[in-house]
PDB file of N, CA and C in Angstrom:
ATOM      1  N   MET A   1     -17.039  38.547  29.708  1.00  0.00           N
ATOM      2  CA  MET A   1     -15.651  38.395  29.304  1.00  0.00           C
ATOM      3  C   MET A   1     -15.418  38.912  27.888  1.00  0.00           C
ATOM      4  N   ASP A   2     -16.359  38.619  27.006  1.00  0.00           N
ATOM      5  CA  ASP A   2     -16.242  39.071  25.624  1.00  0.00           C
ATOM      6  C   ASP A   2     -16.103  40.585  25.566  1.00  0.00           C
ATOM      7  N   LEU A   3     -16.977  41.291  26.273  1.00  0.00           N
ATOM      8  CA  LEU A   3     -16.944  42.757  26.248  1.00  0.00           C
ATOM      9  C   LEU A   3     -15.626  43.281  26.833  1.00  0.00           C
ATOM     10  N   ALA A   4     -15.183  42.701  27.924  1.00  0.00           N
ATOM     11  CA  ALA A   4     -13.932  43.150  28.544  1.00  0.00           C
ATOM     12  C   ALA A   4     -12.765  42.982  27.570  1.00  0.00           C
ATOM     13  N   GLY A   5     -12.710  41.855  26.884  1.00  0.00           N
ATOM     14  CA  GLY A   5     -11.649  41.626  25.911  1.00  0.00           C
ATOM     15  C   GLY A   5     -11.718  42.605  24.755  1.00  0.00           C
ATOM     16  N   ARG A   6     -12.933  42.867  24.284  1.00  0.00           N
ATOM     17  CA  ARG A   6     -13.086  43.814  23.176  1.00  0.00           C
ATOM     18  C   ARG A   6     -12.712  45.223  23.599  1.00  0.00           C
ATOM     19  N   VAL A   7     -13.036  45.599  24.832  1.00  0.00           N
ATOM     20  CA  VAL A   7     -12.664  46.935  25.333  1.00  0.00           C
ATOM     21  C   VAL A   7     -11.148  47.066  25.400  1.00  0.00           C
ATOM     22  N   LEU A   8     -10.483  46.036  25.885  1.00  0.00           N
ATOM     23  CA  LEU A   8      -9.021  46.091  25.977  1.00  0.00           C
ATOM     24  C   LEU A   8      -8.373  46.157  24.591  1.00  0.00           C
ATOM     25  N   LEU A   9      -8.887  45.384  23.653  1.00  0.00           N
ATOM     26  CA  LEU A   9      -8.363  45.457  22.293  1.00  0.00           C
ATOM     27  C   LEU A   9      -8.643  46.821  21.670  1.00  0.00           C
ATOM     28  N   ALA A  10      -9.846  47.323  21.868  1.00  0.00           N
ATOM     29  CA  ALA A  10     -10.196  48.646  21.331  1.00  0.00           C
ATOM     30  C   ALA A  10      -9.298  49.722  21.933  1.00  0.00           C
ATOM     31  N   ALA A  11      -8.948  49.568  23.207  1.00  0.00           N
ATOM     32  CA  ALA A  11      -8.088  50.559  23.862  1.00  0.00           C
ATOM     33  C   ALA A  11      -6.738  50.687  23.157  1.00  0.00           C
ATOM     34  N   LEU A  12      -6.220  49.583  22.640  1.00  0.00           N
ATOM     35  CA  LEU A  12      -4.959  49.643  21.887  1.00  0.00           C
ATOM     36  C   LEU A  12      -5.092  50.535  20.655  1.00  0.00           C
ATOM     37  N   PHE A  13      -6.218  50.421  19.980  1.00  0.00           N
ATOM     38  CA  PHE A  13      -6.422  51.208  18.767  1.00  0.00           C
ATOM     39  C   PHE A  13      -6.743  52.661  19.086  1.00  0.00           C
ATOM     40  N   VAL A  14      -7.443  52.901  20.198  1.00  0.00           N
ATOM     41  CA  VAL A  14      -7.660  54.286  20.644  1.00  0.00           C
ATOM     42  C   VAL A  14      -6.312  54.919  20.969  1.00  0.00           C
ATOM     43  N   ALA A  15      -5.488  54.186  21.706  1.00  0.00           N
ATOM     44  CA  ALA A  15      -4.165  54.713  22.070  1.00  0.00           C
ATOM     45  C   ALA A  15      -3.334  54.997  20.824  1.00  0.00           C
ATOM     46  N   GLY A  16      -3.416  54.128  19.825  1.00  0.00           N
ATOM     47  CA  GLY A  16      -2.685  54.359  18.582  1.00  0.00           C
ATOM     48  C   GLY A  16      -3.149  55.618  17.878  1.00  0.00           C
ATOM     49  N   ALA A  17      -4.462  55.841  17.865  1.00  0.00           N
ATOM     50  CA  ALA A  17      -5.000  57.053  17.230  1.00  0.00           C
ATOM     51  C   ALA A  17      -4.569  58.298  17.994  1.00  0.00           C
ATOM     52  N   VAL A  18      -4.679  58.251  19.307  1.00  0.00           N
ATOM     53  CA  VAL A  18      -4.307  59.408  20.132  1.00  0.00           C
ATOM     54  C   VAL A  18      -2.815  59.699  20.000  1.00  0.00           C
ATOM     55  N   GLN A  19      -2.009  58.661  20.034  1.00  0.00           N
ATOM     56  CA  GLN A  19      -0.561  58.837  19.905  1.00  0.00           C
ATOM     57  C   GLN A  19      -0.205  59.493  18.570  1.00  0.00           C
ATOM     58  N   LYS A  20      -0.837  59.034  17.501  1.00  0.00           N
ATOM     59  CA  LYS A  20      -0.562  59.622  16.189  1.00  0.00           C
ATOM     60  C   LYS A  20      -1.051  61.065  16.109  1.00  0.00           C
ATOM     61  N   ALA A  21      -2.151  61.367  16.782  1.00  0.00           N
ATOM     62  CA  ALA A  21      -2.688  62.733  16.762  1.00  0.00           C
ATOM     63  C   ALA A  21      -1.804  63.691  17.551  1.00  0.00           C
ATOM     64  N   LEU A  22      -1.342  63.250  18.725  1.00  0.00           N
ATOM     65  CA  LEU A  22      -0.567  64.132  19.595  1.00  0.00           C
ATOM     66  C   LEU A  22       0.895  64.262  19.188  1.00  0.00           C
ATOM     67  N   ASP A  23       1.455  63.192  18.632  1.00  0.00           N
ATOM     68  CA  ASP A  23       2.868  63.216  18.244  1.00  0.00           C
ATOM     69  C   ASP A  23       3.072  62.323  17.023  1.00  0.00           C
ATOM     70  N   PRO A  24       2.731  62.833  15.848  1.00  0.00           N
ATOM     71  CA  PRO A  24       2.830  61.997  14.642  1.00  0.00           C
ATOM     72  C   PRO A  24       4.260  61.714  14.181  1.00  0.00           C
ATOM     73  N   ALA A  25       5.233  62.454  14.687  1.00  0.00           N
ATOM     74  CA  ALA A  25       6.607  62.341  14.193  1.00  0.00           C
ATOM     75  C   ALA A  25       7.184  60.925  14.252  1.00  0.00           C
ATOM     76  N   PRO A  26       7.043  60.181  15.359  1.00  0.00           N
ATOM     77  CA  PRO A  26       7.620  58.821  15.360  1.00  0.00           C
ATOM     78  C   PRO A  26       7.011  57.913  14.285  1.00  0.00           C
ATOM     79  N   ALA A  27       5.704  57.969  14.107  1.00  0.00           N
ATOM     80  CA  ALA A  27       5.071  57.147  13.068  1.00  0.00           C
ATOM     81  C   ALA A  27       5.510  57.615  11.684  1.00  0.00           C
ATOM     82  N   GLN A  28       5.615  58.917  11.513  1.00  0.00           N
ATOM     83  CA  GLN A  28       6.062  59.443  10.223  1.00  0.00           C
ATOM     84  C   GLN A  28       7.500  59.007   9.933  1.00  0.00           C
ATOM     85  N   ALA A  29       8.331  58.972  10.948  1.00  0.00           N
ATOM     86  CA  ALA A  29       9.719  58.536  10.765  1.00  0.00           C
ATOM     87  C   ALA A  29       9.780  57.066  10.364  1.00  0.00           C
ATOM     88  N   LEU A  30       8.933  56.230  10.982  1.00  0.00           N
ATOM     89  CA  LEU A  30       8.892  54.823  10.596  1.00  0.00           C
ATOM     90  C   LEU A  30       8.473  54.678   9.140  1.00  0.00           C
ATOM     91  N   LEU A  31       7.462  55.431   8.739  1.00  0.00           N
ATOM     92  CA  LEU A  31       6.999  55.384   7.355  1.00  0.00           C
ATOM     93  C   LEU A  31       8.095  55.840   6.399  1.00  0.00           C
ATOM     94  N   ALA A  32       8.699  56.975   6.702  1.00  0.00           N
ATOM     95  CA  ALA A  32       9.762  57.512   5.847  1.00  0.00           C
ATOM     96  C   ALA A  32      10.949  56.550   5.777  1.00  0.00           C
ATOM     97  N   GLY A  33      11.214  55.878   6.898  1.00  0.00           N
ATOM     98  CA  GLY A  33      12.338  54.947   6.960  1.00  0.00           C
ATOM     99  C   GLY A  33      12.221  53.766   6.016  1.00  0.00           C
ATOM    100  N   ILE A  34      10.997  53.444   5.619  1.00  0.00           N
ATOM    101  CA  ILE A  34      10.837  52.349   4.655  1.00  0.00           C
ATOM    102  C   ILE A  34      10.338  52.859   3.301  1.00  0.00           C
ATOM    103  N   GLY A  35      10.479  54.178   3.107  1.00  0.00           N
ATOM    104  CA  GLY A  35      10.187  54.761   1.806  1.00  0.00           C
ATOM    105  C   GLY A  35       8.722  55.064   1.527  1.00  0.00           C
ATOM    106  N   LEU A  36       7.897  55.110   2.566  1.00  0.00           N
ATOM    107  CA  LEU A  36       6.481  55.445   2.382  1.00  0.00           C
ATOM    108  C   LEU A  36       6.236  56.908   2.725  1.00  0.00           C
ATOM    109  N   PRO A  37       5.203  57.504   2.155  1.00  0.00           N
ATOM    110  CA  PRO A  37       4.909  58.910   2.454  1.00  0.00           C
ATOM    111  C   PRO A  37       4.515  59.108   3.919  1.00  0.00           C
ATOM    112  N   GLU A  38       5.071  60.133   4.534  1.00  0.00           N
ATOM    113  CA  GLU A  38       4.764  60.438   5.935  1.00  0.00           C
ATOM    114  C   GLU A  38       3.281  60.727   6.147  1.00  0.00           C
ATOM    115  N   GLY A  39       2.609  61.209   5.106  1.00  0.00           N
ATOM    116  CA  GLY A  39       1.194  61.538   5.207  1.00  0.00           C
ATOM    117  C   GLY A  39       0.297  60.340   5.457  1.00  0.00           C
ATOM    118  N   LEU A  40       0.829  59.118   5.302  1.00  0.00           N
ATOM    119  CA  LEU A  40       0.025  57.931   5.596  1.00  0.00           C
ATOM    120  C   LEU A  40      -0.336  57.821   7.074  1.00  0.00           C
ATOM    121  N   VAL A  41       0.324  58.622   7.903  1.00  0.00           N
ATOM    122  CA  VAL A  41       0.008  58.593   9.328  1.00  0.00           C
ATOM    123  C   VAL A  41      -1.451  58.992   9.571  1.00  0.00           C
ATOM    124  N   TRP A  42      -1.991  59.873   8.734  1.00  0.00           N
ATOM    125  CA  TRP A  42      -3.360  60.365   8.956  1.00  0.00           C
ATOM    126  C   TRP A  42      -4.424  59.319   8.631  1.00  0.00           C
ATOM    127  N   PRO A  43      -4.324  58.611   7.504  1.00  0.00           N
ATOM    128  CA  PRO A  43      -5.276  57.520   7.297  1.00  0.00           C
ATOM    129  C   PRO A  43      -5.120  56.414   8.351  1.00  0.00           C
ATOM    130  N   ALA A  44      -3.882  56.185   8.802  1.00  0.00           N
ATOM    131  CA  ALA A  44      -3.665  55.188   9.852  1.00  0.00           C
ATOM    132  C   ALA A  44      -4.356  55.614  11.145  1.00  0.00           C
ATOM    133  N   LEU A  45      -4.269  56.898  11.476  1.00  0.00           N
ATOM    134  CA  LEU A  45      -4.965  57.428  12.657  1.00  0.00           C
ATOM    135  C   LEU A  45      -6.464  57.187  12.528  1.00  0.00           C
ATOM    136  N   ALA A  46      -7.026  57.519  11.380  1.00  0.00           N
ATOM    137  CA  ALA A  46      -8.471  57.338  11.162  1.00  0.00           C
ATOM    138  C   ALA A  46      -8.849  55.864  11.250  1.00  0.00           C
ATOM    139  N   LEU A  47      -8.040  54.995  10.656  1.00  0.00           N
ATOM    140  CA  LEU A  47      -8.332  53.565  10.702  1.00  0.00           C
ATOM    141  C   LEU A  47      -8.290  53.054  12.136  1.00  0.00           C
ATOM    142  N   ASN A  48      -7.310  53.497  12.912  1.00  0.00           N
ATOM    143  CA  ASN A  48      -7.234  53.095  14.321  1.00  0.00           C
ATOM    144  C   ASN A  48      -8.509  53.473  15.060  1.00  0.00           C
ATOM    145  N   ALA A  49      -8.993  54.677  14.834  1.00  0.00           N
ATOM    146  CA  ALA A  49     -10.208  55.141  15.513  1.00  0.00           C
ATOM    147  C   ALA A  49     -11.425  54.329  15.074  1.00  0.00           C
ATOM    148  N   VAL A  50     -11.556  54.092  13.782  1.00  0.00           N
ATOM    149  CA  VAL A  50     -12.697  53.325  13.264  1.00  0.00           C
ATOM    150  C   VAL A  50     -12.659  51.886  13.785  1.00  0.00           C
ATOM    151  N   LEU A  51     -11.486  51.282  13.822  1.00  0.00           N
ATOM    152  CA  LEU A  51     -11.366  49.918  14.328  1.00  0.00           C
ATOM    153  C   LEU A  51     -11.736  49.839  15.803  1.00  0.00           C
ATOM    154  N   ALA A  52     -11.340  50.831  16.574  1.00  0.00           N
ATOM    155  CA  ALA A  52     -11.700  50.843  18.000  1.00  0.00           C
ATOM    156  C   ALA A  52     -13.216  50.836  18.160  1.00  0.00           C
ATOM    157  N   VAL A  53     -13.892  51.682  17.417  1.00  0.00           N
ATOM    158  CA  VAL A  53     -15.362  51.730  17.482  1.00  0.00           C
ATOM    159  C   VAL A  53     -15.955  50.402  17.017  1.00  0.00           C
ATOM    160  N   GLY A  54     -15.436  49.871  15.922  1.00  0.00           N
ATOM    161  CA  GLY A  54     -15.942  48.609  15.389  1.00  0.00           C
ATOM    162  C   GLY A  54     -15.802  47.452  16.354  1.00  0.00           C
ATOM    163  N   LEU A  55     -14.717  47.426  17.110  1.00  0.00           N
ATOM    164  CA  LEU A  55     -14.527  46.352  18.092  1.00  0.00           C
ATOM    165  C   LEU A  55     -15.515  46.460  19.254  1.00  0.00           C
ATOM    166  N   LEU A  56     -16.026  47.639  19.489  1.00  0.00           N
ATOM    167  CA  LEU A  56     -16.984  47.842  20.576  1.00  0.00           C
ATOM    168  C   LEU A  56     -18.441  47.694  20.134  1.00  0.00           C
ATOM    169  N   TRP A  57     -18.685  47.826  18.853  1.00  0.00           N
ATOM    170  CA  TRP A  57     -20.042  47.785  18.313  1.00  0.00           C
ATOM    171  C   TRP A  57     -20.350  46.341  17.901  1.00  0.00           C
ATOM    172  N   PRO A  58     -21.205  45.653  18.674  1.00  0.00           N
ATOM    173  CA  PRO A  58     -21.414  44.212  18.457  1.00  0.00           C
ATOM    174  C   PRO A  58     -21.672  43.802  17.004  1.00  0.00           C
ATOM    175  N   ARG A  59     -22.409  44.585  16.298  1.00  0.00           N
ATOM    176  CA  ARG A  59     -22.763  44.228  14.922  1.00  0.00           C
ATOM    177  C   ARG A  59     -21.541  44.209  13.992  1.00  0.00           C
ATOM    178  N   HIS A  60     -20.503  44.938  14.336  1.00  0.00           N
ATOM    179  CA  HIS A  60     -19.337  45.076  13.457  1.00  0.00           C
ATOM    180  C   HIS A  60     -18.066  44.424  13.997  1.00  0.00           C
ATOM    181  N   VAL A  61     -18.194  43.675  15.086  1.00  0.00           N
ATOM    182  CA  VAL A  61     -16.994  43.122  15.730  1.00  0.00           C
ATOM    183  C   VAL A  61     -16.216  42.212  14.793  1.00  0.00           C
ATOM    184  N   ARG A  62     -16.892  41.290  14.138  1.00  0.00           N
ATOM    185  CA  ARG A  62     -16.180  40.322  13.293  1.00  0.00           C
ATOM    186  C   ARG A  62     -15.395  41.032  12.189  1.00  0.00           C
ATOM    187  N   ARG A  63     -16.056  41.929  11.486  1.00  0.00           N
ATOM    188  CA  ARG A  63     -15.392  42.655  10.399  1.00  0.00           C
ATOM    189  C   ARG A  63     -14.244  43.507  10.932  1.00  0.00           C
ATOM    190  N   ALA A  64     -14.483  44.219  12.034  1.00  0.00           N
ATOM    191  CA  ALA A  64     -13.432  45.062  12.614  1.00  0.00           C
ATOM    192  C   ALA A  64     -12.249  44.218  13.077  1.00  0.00           C
ATOM    193  N   ALA A  65     -12.540  43.067  13.681  1.00  0.00           N
ATOM    194  CA  ALA A  65     -11.459  42.200  14.163  1.00  0.00           C
ATOM    195  C   ALA A  65     -10.620  41.674  13.004  1.00  0.00           C
ATOM    196  N   LEU A  66     -11.264  41.306  11.908  1.00  0.00           N
ATOM    197  CA  LEU A  66     -10.522  40.818  10.741  1.00  0.00           C
ATOM    198  C   LEU A  66      -9.645  41.925  10.144  1.00  0.00           C
ATOM    199  N   ILE A  67     -10.202  43.106  10.000  1.00  0.00           N
ATOM    200  CA  ILE A  67      -9.432  44.228   9.445  1.00  0.00           C
ATOM    201  C   ILE A  67      -8.299  44.615  10.394  1.00  0.00           C
ATOM    202  N   ALA A  68      -8.595  44.627  11.690  1.00  0.00           N
ATOM    203  CA  ALA A  68      -7.574  44.978  12.681  1.00  0.00           C
ATOM    204  C   ALA A  68      -6.444  43.952  12.688  1.00  0.00           C
ATOM    205  N   ALA A  69      -6.785  42.673  12.530  1.00  0.00           N
ATOM    206  CA  ALA A  69      -5.746  41.632  12.472  1.00  0.00           C
ATOM    207  C   ALA A  69      -4.848  41.858  11.263  1.00  0.00           C
ATOM    208  N   LEU A  70      -5.437  42.167  10.133  1.00  0.00           N
ATOM    209  CA  LEU A  70      -4.655  42.455   8.926  1.00  0.00           C
ATOM    210  C   LEU A  70      -3.780  43.686   9.135  1.00  0.00           C
ATOM    211  N   TYR A  71      -4.356  44.718   9.736  1.00  0.00           N
ATOM    212  CA  TYR A  71      -3.606  45.950  10.026  1.00  0.00           C
ATOM    213  C   TYR A  71      -2.392  45.640  10.913  1.00  0.00           C
ATOM    214  N   CYS A  72      -2.600  44.845  11.962  1.00  0.00           N
ATOM    215  CA  CYS A  72      -1.491  44.489  12.862  1.00  0.00           C
ATOM    216  C   CYS A  72      -0.411  43.707  12.118  1.00  0.00           C
ATOM    217  N   ALA A  73      -0.828  42.791  11.260  1.00  0.00           N
ATOM    218  CA  ALA A  73       0.139  41.996  10.503  1.00  0.00           C
ATOM    219  C   ALA A  73       0.941  42.886   9.551  1.00  0.00           C
ATOM    220  N   VAL A  74       0.257  43.754   8.837  1.00  0.00           N
ATOM    221  CA  VAL A  74       0.934  44.624   7.872  1.00  0.00           C
ATOM    222  C   VAL A  74       1.867  45.605   8.584  1.00  0.00           C
ATOM    223  N   THR A  75       1.380  46.242   9.644  1.00  0.00           N
ATOM    224  CA  THR A  75       2.213  47.243  10.316  1.00  0.00           C
ATOM    225  C   THR A  75       3.363  46.615  11.099  1.00  0.00           C
ATOM    226  N   SER A  76       3.294  45.320  11.348  1.00  0.00           N
ATOM    227  CA  SER A  76       4.418  44.680  12.043  1.00  0.00           C
ATOM    228  C   SER A  76       5.700  44.798  11.216  1.00  0.00           C
ATOM    229  N   VAL A  77       5.562  44.896   9.899  1.00  0.00           N
ATOM    230  CA  VAL A  77       6.726  45.023   9.011  1.00  0.00           C
ATOM    231  C   VAL A  77       7.580  46.232   9.401  1.00  0.00           C
ATOM    232  N   PHE A  78       6.928  47.323   9.828  1.00  0.00           N
ATOM    233  CA  PHE A  78       7.664  48.530  10.204  1.00  0.00           C
ATOM    234  C   PHE A  78       8.579  48.279  11.404  1.00  0.00           C
ATOM    235  N   HIS A  79       8.216  47.289  12.210  1.00  0.00           N
ATOM    236  CA  HIS A  79       8.940  47.048  13.457  1.00  0.00           C
ATOM    237  C   HIS A  79       9.939  45.891  13.355  1.00  0.00           C
ATOM    238  N   PHE A  80      10.009  45.257  12.201  1.00  0.00           N
ATOM    239  CA  PHE A  80      10.958  44.164  12.028  1.00  0.00           C
ATOM    240  C   PHE A  80      12.357  44.740  11.852  1.00  0.00           C
ATOM    241  N   GLN A  81      13.008  44.929  12.986  1.00  0.00           N
ATOM    242  CA  GLN A  81      14.364  45.472  13.036  1.00  0.00           C
ATOM    243  C   GLN A  81      15.174  44.590  13.988  1.00  0.00           C
ATOM    244  N   PRO A  82      15.707  43.487  13.469  1.00  0.00           N
ATOM    245  CA  PRO A  82      16.357  42.486  14.329  1.00  0.00           C
ATOM    246  C   PRO A  82      17.434  43.024  15.267  1.00  0.00           C
ATOM    247  N   ASP A  83      18.061  44.139  14.939  1.00  0.00           N
ATOM    248  CA  ASP A  83      19.112  44.686  15.804  1.00  0.00           C
ATOM    249  C   ASP A  83      18.553  45.540  16.940  1.00  0.00           C
ATOM    250  N   ASP A  84      17.240  45.739  16.963  1.00  0.00           N
ATOM    251  CA  ASP A  84      16.603  46.588  17.972  1.00  0.00           C
ATOM    252  C   ASP A  84      15.587  45.752  18.748  1.00  0.00           C
ATOM    253  N   GLY A  85      15.967  45.380  19.952  1.00  0.00           N
ATOM    254  CA  GLY A  85      15.111  44.533  20.783  1.00  0.00           C
ATOM    255  C   GLY A  85      13.743  45.132  21.050  1.00  0.00           C
ATOM    256  N   TRP A  86      13.688  46.440  21.241  1.00  0.00           N
ATOM    257  CA  TRP A  86      12.410  47.118  21.498  1.00  0.00           C
ATOM    258  C   TRP A  86      11.480  46.978  20.293  1.00  0.00           C
ATOM    259  N   GLN A  87      12.005  47.254  19.106  1.00  0.00           N
ATOM    260  CA  GLN A  87      11.196  47.143  17.897  1.00  0.00           C
ATOM    261  C   GLN A  87      10.764  45.695  17.646  1.00  0.00           C
ATOM    262  N   MET A  88      11.629  44.749  17.954  1.00  0.00           N
ATOM    263  CA  MET A  88      11.271  43.343  17.764  1.00  0.00           C
ATOM    264  C   MET A  88      10.182  42.910  18.746  1.00  0.00           C
ATOM    265  N   SER A  89      10.177  43.478  19.948  1.00  0.00           N
ATOM    266  CA  SER A  89       9.094  43.142  20.878  1.00  0.00           C
ATOM    267  C   SER A  89       7.762  43.683  20.363  1.00  0.00           C
ATOM    268  N   ILE A  90       7.784  44.844  19.735  1.00  0.00           N
ATOM    269  CA  ILE A  90       6.568  45.398  19.137  1.00  0.00           C
ATOM    270  C   ILE A  90       6.131  44.529  17.961  1.00  0.00           C
ATOM    271  N   PHE A  91       7.095  44.064  17.164  1.00  0.00           N
ATOM    272  CA  PHE A  91       6.810  43.167  16.045  1.00  0.00           C
ATOM    273  C   PHE A  91       6.060  41.919  16.537  1.00  0.00           C
ATOM    274  N   VAL A  92       6.582  41.292  17.578  1.00  0.00           N
ATOM    275  CA  VAL A  92       5.970  40.069  18.114  1.00  0.00           C
ATOM    276  C   VAL A  92       4.603  40.383  18.731  1.00  0.00           C
ATOM    277  N   LYS A  93       4.486  41.494  19.451  1.00  0.00           N
ATOM    278  CA  LYS A  93       3.198  41.866  20.041  1.00  0.00           C
ATOM    279  C   LYS A  93       2.148  42.092  18.965  1.00  0.00           C
ATOM    280  N   ASN A  94       2.525  42.710  17.853  1.00  0.00           N
ATOM    281  CA  ASN A  94       1.566  42.914  16.765  1.00  0.00           C
ATOM    282  C   ASN A  94       1.018  41.581  16.267  1.00  0.00           C
ATOM    283  N   TRP A  95       1.876  40.582  16.127  1.00  0.00           N
ATOM    284  CA  TRP A  95       1.411  39.267  15.679  1.00  0.00           C
ATOM    285  C   TRP A  95       0.551  38.597  16.742  1.00  0.00           C
ATOM    286  N   ALA A  96       0.896  38.769  18.012  1.00  0.00           N
ATOM    287  CA  ALA A  96       0.070  38.195  19.084  1.00  0.00           C
ATOM    288  C   ALA A  96      -1.312  38.850  19.111  1.00  0.00           C
ATOM    289  N   ILE A  97      -1.356  40.157  18.952  1.00  0.00           N
ATOM    290  CA  ILE A  97      -2.635  40.874  18.914  1.00  0.00           C
ATOM    291  C   ILE A  97      -3.443  40.417  17.699  1.00  0.00           C
ATOM    292  N   ALA A  98      -2.784  40.271  16.552  1.00  0.00           N
ATOM    293  CA  ALA A  98      -3.472  39.785  15.351  1.00  0.00           C
ATOM    294  C   ALA A  98      -4.083  38.409  15.614  1.00  0.00           C
ATOM    295  N   GLY A  99      -3.359  37.561  16.290  1.00  0.00           N
ATOM    296  CA  GLY A  99      -3.887  36.236  16.626  1.00  0.00           C
ATOM    297  C   GLY A  99      -5.122  36.319  17.509  1.00  0.00           C
ATOM    298  N   GLY A 100      -5.079  37.162  18.523  1.00  0.00           N
ATOM    299  CA  GLY A 100      -6.243  37.341  19.387  1.00  0.00           C
ATOM    300  C   GLY A 100      -7.435  37.893  18.626  1.00  0.00           C
ATOM    301  N   LEU A 101      -7.179  38.807  17.714  1.00  0.00           N
ATOM    302  CA  LEU A 101      -8.263  39.370  16.907  1.00  0.00           C
ATOM    303  C   LEU A 101      -8.865  38.316  15.987  1.00  0.00           C
ATOM    304  N   LEU A 102      -8.053  37.429  15.449  1.00  0.00           N
ATOM    305  CA  LEU A 102      -8.572  36.347  14.612  1.00  0.00           C
ATOM    306  C   LEU A 102      -9.441  35.389  15.427  1.00  0.00           C
ATOM    307  N   VAL A 103      -9.030  35.107  16.649  1.00  0.00           N
ATOM    308  CA  VAL A 103      -9.851  34.269  17.528  1.00  0.00           C
ATOM    309  C   VAL A 103     -11.190  34.956  17.803  1.00  0.00           C
ATOM    310  N   LEU A 104     -11.135  36.252  18.068  1.00  0.00           N
ATOM    311  CA  LEU A 104     -12.363  37.017  18.305  1.00  0.00           C
ATOM    312  C   LEU A 104     -13.266  36.964  17.076  1.00  0.00           C
ATOM    313  N   ALA A 105     -12.693  37.157  15.892  1.00  0.00           N
ATOM    314  CA  ALA A 105     -13.494  37.130  14.663  1.00  0.00           C
ATOM    315  C   ALA A 105     -14.103  35.750  14.429  1.00  0.00           C
ATOM    316  N   ALA A 106     -13.363  34.706  14.718  1.00  0.00           N
ATOM    317  CA  ALA A 106     -13.857  33.356  14.498  1.00  0.00           C
ATOM    318  C   ALA A 106     -14.952  32.982  15.474  1.00  0.00           C
ATOM    319  N   ASP A 107     -14.965  33.596  16.637  1.00  0.00           N
ATOM    320  CA  ASP A 107     -15.914  33.265  17.693  1.00  0.00           C
ATOM    321  C   ASP A 107     -17.227  34.025  17.584  1.00  0.00           C
ATOM    322  N   ARG A 108     -17.305  34.992  16.710  1.00  0.00           N
ATOM    323  CA  ARG A 108     -18.499  35.838  16.618  1.00  0.00           C
ATOM    324  C   ARG A 108     -19.663  35.053  16.050  1.00  0.00           C
ATOM    325  N   LYS A 109     -20.815  35.199  16.666  1.00  0.00           N
ATOM    326  CA  LYS A 109     -22.036  34.536  16.204  1.00  0.00           C
ATOM    327  C   LYS A 109     -22.703  35.323  15.074  1.00  0.00           C
ATOM    328  N   THR A 110     -22.351  36.622  14.960  1.00  0.00           N
ATOM    329  CA  THR A 110     -22.940  37.445  13.931  1.00  0.00           C
ATOM    330  C   THR A 110     -21.930  37.715  12.840  1.00  0.00           C
ATOM    331  N   THR A 111     -22.407  38.171  11.693  1.00  0.00           N
ATOM    332  CA  THR A 111     -21.481  38.446  10.592  1.00  0.00           C
ATOM    333  C   THR A 111     -21.324  39.890  10.335  1.00  0.00           C
TER     334      THR A 111
END
């Protein structure tokens, strides 16, 4: 069960990296919309890829889960748009994913 959960969580981060690689414009627009440089999409892509690997690599799961939870919490700010139901659902999902990642990090027997 642990591995299946980690694979599913890692898949979210793989999808985020692939999405940013194939079509960076939506992420760049979100960044620009809150006054951040559009070029931040590239470090975000790299972080998504590294987190996906970390969630799959047993030795690094706890650290990756903690960083991924923080990433989800921070990036949820981009989606806090109360007048847009779609963006608000992404906002809530980011917090739910962060919660699951914190549970995963707390449950790890290794450091």
